[in-house]
Amino acid sequence: MATLWKSKVFNKLKHILFTSFRTLFTLERQRESQNKGVDPFKEAKNMTLLSRFMQSIGDLSINEVKVHMLGSTKFVPDDPYEELENMVLVDTR
């Protein structure tokens, strides 16, 4: 079912979701560096949203075979997580 949902729904929205994640992630990094006038409720809300999104992408990137290799250094995630990971690495250099 997840594979079907991924191909029919997620792949059509992936660009929008990743762009939104990237924007919020960048804003959070800027806010952290400035650390002025921070609303703790908003801060927690944004961090929770970013964290849940990353978890969801991780869930989409692991199949029934790869789940057994999660603790291994040989684990290679599928497309959505790998793409998001690369995007975050580029943005945080």
Protein backbone atom coordinates (compact mmCIF):
# COMPACT_ATOMS: atom_id res chain seq x y z
CA MET A 1 0.00 0.00 0.00
CA ALA A 2 2.83 2.40 0.84
CA THR A 3 4.42 1.76 -2.54
CA LEU A 4 1.18 2.56 -4.32
CA TRP A 5 0.64 5.71 -2.24
CA LYS A 6 4.22 6.77 -2.88
CA SER A 7 3.85 6.46 -6.65
CA LYS A 8 0.34 7.90 -6.97
CA VAL A 9 0.40 10.69 -4.36
CA PHE A 10 3.81 11.42 -2.88
CA ASN A 11 5.75 11.61 -6.14
CA LYS A 12 3.33 14.25 -7.42
CA LEU A 13 3.76 16.38 -4.28
CA LYS A 14 7.43 15.67 -3.56
CA HIS A 15 8.79 18.87 -5.10
CA ILE A 16 6.34 21.06 -3.15
CA LEU A 17 6.96 19.17 0.10
CA PHE A 18 10.74 19.31 -0.24
CA THR A 19 10.69 23.00 -1.15
CA SER A 20 8.51 23.75 1.87
CA PHE A 21 10.78 21.70 4.13
CA ARG A 22 13.85 23.46 2.77
CA THR A 23 12.28 26.89 3.36
CA LEU A 24 11.23 26.12 6.93
CA PHE A 25 14.58 24.49 7.68
CA THR A 26 16.45 27.54 6.39
CA LEU A 27 14.26 29.89 8.42
CA GLU A 28 14.83 27.82 11.57
CA ARG A 29 18.59 27.89 11.04
CA GLN A 30 18.51 31.67 10.57
CA ARG A 31 16.34 32.07 13.66
CA GLU A 32 18.74 29.94 15.69
CA SER A 33 21.70 32.03 14.60
CA GLN A 34 19.92 35.27 15.51
CA ASN A 35 18.18 33.88 18.60
CA LYS A 36 16.28 37.12 19.20
CA GLY A 37 12.65 37.45 20.24
CA VAL A 38 11.98 33.75 19.94
CA ASP A 39 8.47 32.56 20.62
CA PRO A 40 8.99 29.18 22.37
CA PHE A 41 5.63 27.86 21.15
CA LYS A 42 6.41 28.68 17.52
CA GLU A 43 9.91 27.27 17.89
CA ALA A 44 8.63 23.95 19.23
CA LYS A 45 5.93 23.80 16.56
CA ASN A 46 8.42 24.29 13.71
CA MET A 47 10.91 21.79 15.12
CA THR A 48 8.15 19.23 15.61
CA LEU A 49 6.99 19.77 12.03
CA LEU A 50 10.52 19.35 10.65
CA SER A 51 11.11 16.27 12.78
CA ARG A 52 7.84 14.61 11.79
CA PHE A 53 8.50 15.32 8.12
CA MET A 54 11.94 13.70 8.36
CA GLN A 55 10.43 10.66 10.09
CA SER A 56 7.77 10.34 7.40
CA ILE A 57 10.36 10.54 4.63
CA GLY A 58 12.38 7.91 6.45
CA ASP A 59 9.34 5.65 6.64
CA LEU A 60 8.75 6.03 2.90
CA SER A 61 12.37 5.19 2.18
CA ILE A 62 12.51 1.87 3.99
CA ASN A 63 10.96 -1.30 2.66
CA GLU A 64 10.36 -4.68 4.27
CA VAL A 65 13.80 -5.93 3.24
CA LYS A 66 15.82 -2.88 4.22
CA VAL A 67 14.22 -2.53 7.66
CA HIS A 68 16.46 -5.37 8.90
CA MET A 69 19.58 -3.39 7.97
CA LEU A 70 18.73 -0.17 9.85
CA GLY A 71 21.62 -0.52 12.29
CA SER A 72 24.11 -1.55 9.63
CA THR A 73 26.66 0.67 7.95
CA LYS A 74 25.65 -1.02 4.69
CA PHE A 75 22.12 0.40 4.91
CA VAL A 76 21.24 2.49 1.86
CA PRO A 77 17.85 4.26 1.98
CA ASP A 78 15.63 4.65 -1.05
CA ASP A 79 15.06 7.83 -3.06
CA PRO A 80 13.04 10.22 -0.89
CA TYR A 81 15.32 10.05 2.15
CA GLU A 82 18.53 10.04 0.14
CA GLU A 83 17.39 13.08 -1.84
CA LEU A 84 16.35 14.95 1.30
CA GLU A 85 19.60 14.04 3.07
CA ASN A 86 21.66 15.36 0.16
CA MET A 87 19.61 18.55 0.09
CA VAL A 88 20.19 19.14 3.82
CA LEU A 89 23.92 18.43 3.48
CA VAL A 90 24.22 20.96 0.65
CA ASP A 91 22.25 23.59 2.57
CA THR A 92 24.30 23.19 5.76
CA ARG A 93 27.79 23.37 4.27
